[in-house]
């Protein structure tokens, strides 16, 4: 009986190890499939990459500074024009 019990436990242990290995394989396969699906989903959404976003953000900041500079220059020129005798407001 002891010999049979030991063999039974050995077989159960081997079975459990095989089942655990198979479960890990299934988990890895599921992770791979999920990762592929998420990558496809994100690619189909046509999202902007971080680097591209940063470049556009810098361009917008530069354009804003230029706009502010030009607005100040325009105000300066309008003030000069308003201070010139005989020069009325021109066509806008």
N, C-alpha and C. Protein backbone atom coordinates (compact mmCIF):
# COMPACT_ATOMS: atom_id res chain seq x y z
N UNK A 1 0.81 -1.19 0.00
CA UNK A 1 0.00 0.00 0.00
C UNK A 1 0.86 1.26 0.00
N UNK A 2 1.96 1.25 0.74
CA UNK A 2 2.83 2.40 0.81
C UNK A 2 3.43 2.70 -0.55
N UNK A 3 3.83 1.65 -1.28
CA UNK A 3 4.40 1.82 -2.62
C UNK A 3 3.38 2.44 -3.56
N UNK A 4 2.13 2.01 -3.50
CA UNK A 4 1.08 2.52 -4.36
C UNK A 4 0.76 3.97 -4.00
N UNK A 5 0.71 4.27 -2.73
CA UNK A 5 0.41 5.63 -2.28
C UNK A 5 1.49 6.60 -2.73
N UNK A 6 2.77 6.18 -2.62
CA UNK A 6 3.87 7.02 -3.06
C UNK A 6 3.80 7.28 -4.56
N UNK A 7 3.49 6.24 -5.31
CA UNK A 7 3.38 6.38 -6.76
C UNK A 7 2.21 7.28 -7.12
N UNK A 8 1.10 7.15 -6.39
CA UNK A 8 -0.07 7.98 -6.63
C UNK A 8 0.27 9.45 -6.38
N UNK A 9 0.98 9.72 -5.26
CA UNK A 9 1.39 11.09 -4.98
C UNK A 9 2.35 11.63 -6.04
N UNK A 10 3.26 10.78 -6.51
CA UNK A 10 4.18 11.19 -7.57
C UNK A 10 3.41 11.56 -8.84
N UNK A 11 2.43 10.75 -9.18
CA UNK A 11 1.63 11.02 -10.38
C UNK A 11 0.81 12.30 -10.21
N UNK A 12 0.24 12.49 -9.01
CA UNK A 12 -0.54 13.70 -8.75
C UNK A 12 0.37 14.94 -8.81
N UNK A 13 1.56 14.82 -8.27
CA UNK A 13 2.51 15.92 -8.29
C UNK A 13 2.90 16.26 -9.73
N UNK A 14 3.18 15.26 -10.53
CA UNK A 14 3.54 15.47 -11.93
C UNK A 14 2.37 16.11 -12.68
N UNK A 15 1.16 15.63 -12.40
CA UNK A 15 -0.03 16.19 -13.05
C UNK A 15 -0.20 17.67 -12.69
N UNK A 16 0.00 18.00 -11.41
CA UNK A 16 -0.15 19.39 -10.97
C UNK A 16 0.92 20.29 -11.60
N UNK A 17 2.14 19.79 -11.71
CA UNK A 17 3.21 20.57 -12.35
C UNK A 17 2.89 20.81 -13.82
N UNK A 18 2.40 19.78 -14.50
CA UNK A 18 2.03 19.93 -15.91
C UNK A 18 0.88 20.93 -16.06
N UNK A 19 -0.10 20.86 -15.16
CA UNK A 19 -1.25 21.77 -15.23
C UNK A 19 -0.79 23.21 -14.97
N UNK A 20 0.12 23.40 -14.03
CA UNK A 20 0.62 24.75 -13.74
C UNK A 20 1.39 25.29 -14.94
N UNK A 21 2.20 24.47 -15.57
CA UNK A 21 2.94 24.90 -16.76
C UNK A 21 2.00 25.26 -17.89
N UNK A 22 0.96 24.47 -18.07
CA UNK A 22 -0.01 24.74 -19.12
C UNK A 22 -0.76 26.04 -18.81
N UNK A 23 -1.10 26.27 -17.55
CA UNK A 23 -1.80 27.50 -17.17
C UNK A 23 -0.92 28.72 -17.45
N UNK A 24 0.37 28.62 -17.18
CA UNK A 24 1.27 29.73 -17.48
C UNK A 24 1.35 29.99 -18.98
N UNK A 25 1.37 28.91 -19.76
CA UNK A 25 1.39 29.05 -21.21
C UNK A 25 0.13 29.74 -21.73
N UNK A 26 -1.01 29.35 -21.18
CA UNK A 26 -2.28 29.96 -21.57
C UNK A 26 -2.28 31.44 -21.19
N UNK A 27 -1.75 31.75 -20.00
CA UNK A 27 -1.68 33.14 -19.55
C UNK A 27 -0.80 33.96 -20.48
N UNK A 28 0.35 33.43 -20.85
CA UNK A 28 1.24 34.16 -21.77
C UNK A 28 0.57 34.37 -23.12
N UNK A 29 -0.11 33.37 -23.60
CA UNK A 29 -0.80 33.49 -24.89
C UNK A 29 -1.91 34.54 -24.82
N UNK A 30 -2.66 34.55 -23.72
CA UNK A 30 -3.73 35.54 -23.54
C UNK A 30 -3.14 36.94 -23.47
N UNK A 31 -2.02 37.11 -22.77
CA UNK A 31 -1.38 38.42 -22.69
C UNK A 31 -0.91 38.89 -24.07
N UNK A 32 -0.36 37.97 -24.84
CA UNK A 32 0.11 38.31 -26.19
C UNK A 32 -1.06 38.76 -27.07
N UNK A 33 -2.16 38.03 -27.01
CA UNK A 33 -3.34 38.37 -27.81
C UNK A 33 -3.90 39.72 -27.37
N UNK A 34 -3.99 39.95 -26.06
CA UNK A 34 -4.51 41.22 -25.55
C UNK A 34 -3.61 42.38 -25.95
N UNK A 35 -2.31 42.18 -25.87
CA UNK A 35 -1.37 43.24 -26.24
C UNK A 35 -1.52 43.58 -27.73
N UNK A 36 -1.63 42.56 -28.57
CA UNK A 36 -1.80 42.79 -30.00
C UNK A 36 -3.10 43.54 -30.28
N UNK A 37 -4.17 43.17 -29.59
CA UNK A 37 -5.46 43.83 -29.78
C UNK A 37 -5.39 45.29 -29.34
N UNK A 38 -4.74 45.56 -28.20
CA UNK A 38 -4.61 46.94 -27.72
C UNK A 38 -3.77 47.77 -28.68
N UNK A 39 -2.68 47.22 -29.19
CA UNK A 39 -1.85 47.95 -30.15
C UNK A 39 -2.63 48.27 -31.41
N UNK A 40 -3.41 47.33 -31.89
CA UNK A 40 -4.24 47.56 -33.08
C UNK A 40 -5.29 48.62 -32.80
N UNK A 41 -5.92 48.56 -31.63
CA UNK A 41 -6.93 49.54 -31.24
C UNK A 41 -6.33 50.95 -31.20
N UNK A 42 -5.18 51.10 -30.58
CA UNK A 42 -4.54 52.40 -30.48
C UNK A 42 -4.08 52.90 -31.85
N UNK A 43 -3.59 52.00 -32.69
CA UNK A 43 -3.16 52.38 -34.03
C UNK A 43 -4.37 52.85 -34.86
N UNK A 44 -5.50 52.17 -34.70
CA UNK A 44 -6.71 52.54 -35.45
C UNK A 44 -7.29 53.87 -34.97
N UNK A 45 -7.02 54.26 -33.74
CA UNK A 45 -7.53 55.53 -33.21
C UNK A 45 -6.77 56.71 -33.78
N UNK A 46 -5.64 56.48 -34.42
CA UNK A 46 -4.84 57.53 -35.05
C UNK A 46 -4.44 58.60 -34.02
N UNK A 47 -3.88 58.14 -32.91
CA UNK A 47 -3.44 59.04 -31.85
C UNK A 47 -2.12 59.71 -32.23
N UNK A 48 -1.89 60.87 -31.67
CA UNK A 48 -0.66 61.62 -31.92
C UNK A 48 0.41 61.10 -30.98
N UNK A 49 1.62 60.94 -31.51
CA UNK A 49 2.72 60.52 -30.66
C UNK A 49 3.16 61.68 -29.78
N UNK A 50 3.73 61.37 -28.65
CA UNK A 50 4.14 62.39 -27.68
C UNK A 50 5.13 63.38 -28.29
N UNK A 51 6.08 62.87 -29.07
CA UNK A 51 7.09 63.74 -29.68
C UNK A 51 6.44 64.74 -30.63
N UNK A 52 5.47 64.27 -31.43
CA UNK A 52 4.78 65.16 -32.35
C UNK A 52 3.98 66.21 -31.60
N UNK A 53 3.35 65.81 -30.51
CA UNK A 53 2.59 66.75 -29.69
C UNK A 53 3.50 67.83 -29.13
N UNK A 54 4.67 67.45 -28.63
CA UNK A 54 5.60 68.41 -28.05
C UNK A 54 6.08 69.41 -29.11
N UNK A 55 6.32 68.93 -30.34
CA UNK A 55 6.76 69.83 -31.42
C UNK A 55 5.68 70.85 -31.72
N UNK A 56 4.44 70.40 -31.84
CA UNK A 56 3.33 71.31 -32.15
C UNK A 56 3.12 72.29 -30.99
N UNK A 57 3.25 71.80 -29.76
CA UNK A 57 3.10 72.67 -28.59
C UNK A 57 4.15 73.79 -28.61
N UNK A 58 5.39 73.44 -28.97
CA UNK A 58 6.45 74.45 -29.07
C UNK A 58 6.15 75.45 -30.20
N UNK A 59 5.62 74.96 -31.32
CA UNK A 59 5.27 75.84 -32.43
C UNK A 59 4.17 76.82 -32.02
N UNK A 60 3.20 76.34 -31.27
CA UNK A 60 2.10 77.20 -30.82
C UNK A 60 2.63 78.27 -29.87
N UNK A 61 3.52 77.88 -28.97
CA UNK A 61 4.10 78.85 -28.03
C UNK A 61 4.87 79.93 -28.79
N UNK A 62 5.65 79.52 -29.80
CA UNK A 62 6.40 80.49 -30.60
C UNK A 62 5.45 81.41 -31.36
N UNK A 63 4.38 80.85 -31.90
CA UNK A 63 3.40 81.67 -32.64
C UNK A 63 2.72 82.66 -31.70
N UNK A 64 2.44 82.23 -30.48
CA UNK A 64 1.80 83.13 -29.52
C UNK A 64 2.73 84.30 -29.18
N UNK A 65 4.01 84.00 -28.96
CA UNK A 65 4.97 85.07 -28.69
C UNK A 65 5.07 86.04 -29.86
N UNK A 66 5.12 85.52 -31.06
CA UNK A 66 5.19 86.37 -32.25
C UNK A 66 3.93 87.22 -32.37
N UNK A 67 2.77 86.64 -32.09
CA UNK A 67 1.51 87.38 -32.14
C UNK A 67 1.52 88.52 -31.12
N UNK A 68 2.00 88.24 -29.91
CA UNK A 68 2.08 89.29 -28.89
C UNK A 68 3.06 90.39 -29.32
N UNK A 69 4.18 90.00 -29.90
CA UNK A 69 5.16 90.98 -30.37
C UNK A 69 4.56 91.86 -31.47
N UNK A 70 3.86 91.24 -32.41
CA UNK A 70 3.24 92.00 -33.49
C UNK A 70 2.12 92.90 -32.98
N UNK A 71 1.37 92.44 -31.98
CA UNK A 71 0.30 93.27 -31.41
C UNK A 71 0.90 94.50 -30.73
N UNK A 72 2.01 94.32 -30.03
CA UNK A 72 2.68 95.46 -29.39
C UNK A 72 3.20 96.42 -30.45
N UNK A 73 3.77 95.90 -31.51
CA UNK A 73 4.30 96.74 -32.60
C UNK A 73 3.16 97.52 -33.27
N UNK A 74 2.04 96.84 -33.48
CA UNK A 74 0.87 97.50 -34.08
C UNK A 74 0.37 98.61 -33.18
N UNK A 75 0.29 98.36 -31.89
CA UNK A 75 -0.16 99.40 -30.96
C UNK A 75 0.80 100.59 -30.97
N UNK A 76 2.08 100.31 -31.06
CA UNK A 76 3.08 101.38 -31.12
C UNK A 76 2.91 102.22 -32.40
N UNK A 77 2.72 101.55 -33.51
CA UNK A 77 2.54 102.27 -34.78
C UNK A 77 1.24 103.07 -34.79
N UNK A 78 0.17 102.51 -34.23
CA UNK A 78 -1.10 103.23 -34.16
C UNK A 78 -0.96 104.46 -33.27
N UNK A 79 -0.22 104.33 -32.18
CA UNK A 79 -0.01 105.47 -31.28
C UNK A 79 0.78 106.56 -32.00
N UNK A 80 1.80 106.18 -32.76
CA UNK A 80 2.57 107.16 -33.53
C UNK A 80 1.69 107.83 -34.57
N UNK A 81 0.86 107.04 -35.24
CA UNK A 81 -0.02 107.56 -36.27
C UNK A 81 -1.06 108.50 -35.66
N UNK A 82 -1.56 108.17 -34.52
CA UNK A 82 -2.56 109.01 -33.85
C UNK A 82 -1.93 110.32 -33.38
N UNK A 83 -0.63 110.32 -33.10
CA UNK A 83 0.05 111.52 -32.64
C UNK A 83 0.52 112.40 -33.75
N UNK A 84 0.47 111.96 -35.00
CA UNK A 84 0.92 112.75 -36.14
C UNK A 84 -0.20 113.70 -36.57
N UNK A 85 0.10 115.03 -36.65
CA UNK A 85 -0.95 115.96 -37.06
C UNK A 85 -1.35 115.73 -38.52
N UNK A 86 -2.65 115.85 -38.80
CA UNK A 86 -3.17 115.70 -40.15
C UNK A 86 -3.33 114.26 -40.59
N UNK A 87 -2.90 113.31 -39.77
CA UNK A 87 -3.06 111.90 -40.14
C UNK A 87 -4.23 111.35 -39.37
N UNK A 88 -5.25 111.02 -40.07
CA UNK A 88 -6.43 110.45 -39.43
C UNK A 88 -6.36 108.94 -39.47
N UNK A 89 -7.33 108.31 -38.85
CA UNK A 89 -7.32 106.84 -38.92
C UNK A 89 -7.53 106.39 -40.36
N UNK A 90 -6.68 105.54 -40.79
CA UNK A 90 -6.76 105.04 -42.16
C UNK A 90 -7.76 103.91 -42.28
N UNK A 91 -7.92 103.40 -43.48
CA UNK A 91 -8.84 102.29 -43.67
C UNK A 91 -8.33 101.05 -42.93
N UNK A 92 -9.27 100.34 -42.38
CA UNK A 92 -8.91 99.17 -41.58
C UNK A 92 -9.13 97.92 -42.36
